[in-house]
């Protein structure tokens, strides 16, 4: 049985580990909701494709929690 996007986000929000597949899924979601430059690699999220003062890089788990709250 495969995980839904919501399942992936819920798992990421409650764990400390992530996979390359998780990074691809979160990047896909961020791009779909308007962050067209978003890059997610090795569990780090760069909303603008790189870290900036306004949007510093953050871990994938933090963004999973934010995405779940915004649904």
C-alpha atoms as a PDB file:
ATOM      1  CA  UNK A   1       0.000   0.000   0.000  1.00  0.00           C
ATOM      2  CA  UNK A   2       1.471   3.345  -0.980  1.00  0.00           C
ATOM      3  CA  UNK A   3       1.427   6.479   1.125  1.00  0.00           C
ATOM      4  CA  UNK A   4      -0.618   9.516   0.167  1.00  0.00           C
ATOM      5  CA  UNK A   5       0.965  12.961   0.227  1.00  0.00           C
ATOM      6  CA  UNK A   6      -0.829  13.630   3.514  1.00  0.00           C
ATOM      7  CA  UNK A   7       0.583  10.388   4.956  1.00  0.00           C
ATOM      8  CA  UNK A   8       4.095  11.467   3.967  1.00  0.00           C
ATOM      9  CA  UNK A   9       3.656  14.904   5.536  1.00  0.00           C
ATOM     10  CA  UNK A  10       2.249  13.405   8.746  1.00  0.00           C
ATOM     11  CA  UNK A  11       5.162  10.980   8.963  1.00  0.00           C
ATOM     12  CA  UNK A  12       7.707  13.730   8.341  1.00  0.00           C
ATOM     13  CA  UNK A  13       6.056  15.966  10.936  1.00  0.00           C
ATOM     14  CA  UNK A  14       6.545  13.321  13.624  1.00  0.00           C
ATOM     15  CA  UNK A  15       9.944  11.809  12.786  1.00  0.00           C
ATOM     16  CA  UNK A  16      13.588  12.850  12.449  1.00  0.00           C
ATOM     17  CA  UNK A  17      14.442  11.092   9.211  1.00  0.00           C
ATOM     18  CA  UNK A  18      13.558  11.517   5.556  1.00  0.00           C
ATOM     19  CA  UNK A  19      14.384   9.942   2.230  1.00  0.00           C
ATOM     20  CA  UNK A  20      15.138  11.279  -1.228  1.00  0.00           C
ATOM     21  CA  UNK A  21      11.573  10.346  -2.191  1.00  0.00           C
ATOM     22  CA  UNK A  22      10.250  12.458   0.707  1.00  0.00           C
ATOM     23  CA  UNK A  23      12.302  15.405  -0.568  1.00  0.00           C
ATOM     24  CA  UNK A  24      10.815  14.970  -4.048  1.00  0.00           C
ATOM     25  CA  UNK A  25       7.268  14.879  -2.655  1.00  0.00           C
ATOM     26  CA  UNK A  26       7.689  17.996  -0.500  1.00  0.00           C
ATOM     27  CA  UNK A  27       9.337  19.848  -3.393  1.00  0.00           C
ATOM     28  CA  UNK A  28       6.395  18.886  -5.629  1.00  0.00           C
ATOM     29  CA  UNK A  29       3.867  20.143  -3.052  1.00  0.00           C
ATOM     30  CA  UNK A  30       5.703  23.433  -2.504  1.00  0.00           C
ATOM     31  CA  UNK A  31       5.910  24.078  -6.245  1.00  0.00           C
ATOM     32  CA  UNK A  32       2.206  23.275  -6.666  1.00  0.00           C
ATOM     33  CA  UNK A  33       1.222  25.839  -4.005  1.00  0.00           C
ATOM     34  CA  UNK A  34       3.239  28.645  -5.544  1.00  0.00           C
ATOM     35  CA  UNK A  35       6.897  28.283  -4.579  1.00  0.00           C
ATOM     36  CA  UNK A  36       8.068  27.645  -8.141  1.00  0.00           C
ATOM     37  CA  UNK A  37      11.764  27.993  -7.226  1.00  0.00           C
ATOM     38  CA  UNK A  38      11.596  25.601  -4.246  1.00  0.00           C
ATOM     39  CA  UNK A  39      14.364  23.032  -3.963  1.00  0.00           C
ATOM     40  CA  UNK A  40      14.386  20.246  -1.386  1.00  0.00           C
ATOM     41  CA  UNK A  41      17.558  18.237  -1.044  1.00  0.00           C
ATOM     42  CA  UNK A  42      18.833  15.931   1.691  1.00  0.00           C
ATOM     43  CA  UNK A  43      16.010  17.041   3.974  1.00  0.00           C
ATOM     44  CA  UNK A  44      16.673  20.783   3.641  1.00  0.00           C
ATOM     45  CA  UNK A  45      14.109  23.117   2.058  1.00  0.00           C
ATOM     46  CA  UNK A  46      15.162  26.185   0.051  1.00  0.00           C
ATOM     47  CA  UNK A  47      11.977  28.076  -0.874  1.00  0.00           C
ATOM     48  CA  UNK A  48      13.722  30.360  -3.365  1.00  0.00           C
ATOM     49  CA  UNK A  49      16.109  27.733  -4.731  1.00  0.00           C
ATOM     50  CA  UNK A  50      18.779  28.905  -2.283  1.00  0.00           C
ATOM     51  CA  UNK A  51      18.839  30.372   1.202  1.00  0.00           C
ATOM     52  CA  UNK A  52      18.001  34.049   1.623  1.00  0.00           C
ATOM     53  CA  UNK A  53      17.621  36.333   4.625  1.00  0.00           C
ATOM     54  CA  UNK A  54      13.841  36.431   4.071  1.00  0.00           C
ATOM     55  CA  UNK A  55      13.603  32.660   3.529  1.00  0.00           C
ATOM     56  CA  UNK A  56      16.521  30.862   5.138  1.00  0.00           C
ATOM     57  CA  UNK A  57      16.830  27.115   4.567  1.00  0.00           C
ATOM     58  CA  UNK A  58      14.956  24.946   7.026  1.00  0.00           C
ATOM     59  CA  UNK A  59      14.490  21.248   7.630  1.00  0.00           C
ATOM     60  CA  UNK A  60      11.871  19.217   5.821  1.00  0.00           C
ATOM     61  CA  UNK A  61      10.140  18.301   9.092  1.00  0.00           C
ATOM     62  CA  UNK A  62       9.352  21.944   9.899  1.00  0.00           C
ATOM     63  CA  UNK A  63       7.815  22.463   6.467  1.00  0.00           C
ATOM     64  CA  UNK A  64       5.798  19.251   6.778  1.00  0.00           C
ATOM     65  CA  UNK A  65       4.248  20.637   9.981  1.00  0.00           C
ATOM     66  CA  UNK A  66       3.523  23.995   8.303  1.00  0.00           C
ATOM     67  CA  UNK A  67       1.940  22.322   5.274  1.00  0.00           C
ATOM     68  CA  UNK A  68      -0.272  20.152   7.481  1.00  0.00           C
ATOM     69  CA  UNK A  69      -1.478  23.187   9.452  1.00  0.00           C
ATOM     70  CA  UNK A  70      -2.331  25.049   6.253  1.00  0.00           C
ATOM     71  CA  UNK A  71      -4.572  22.377   4.762  1.00  0.00           C
END
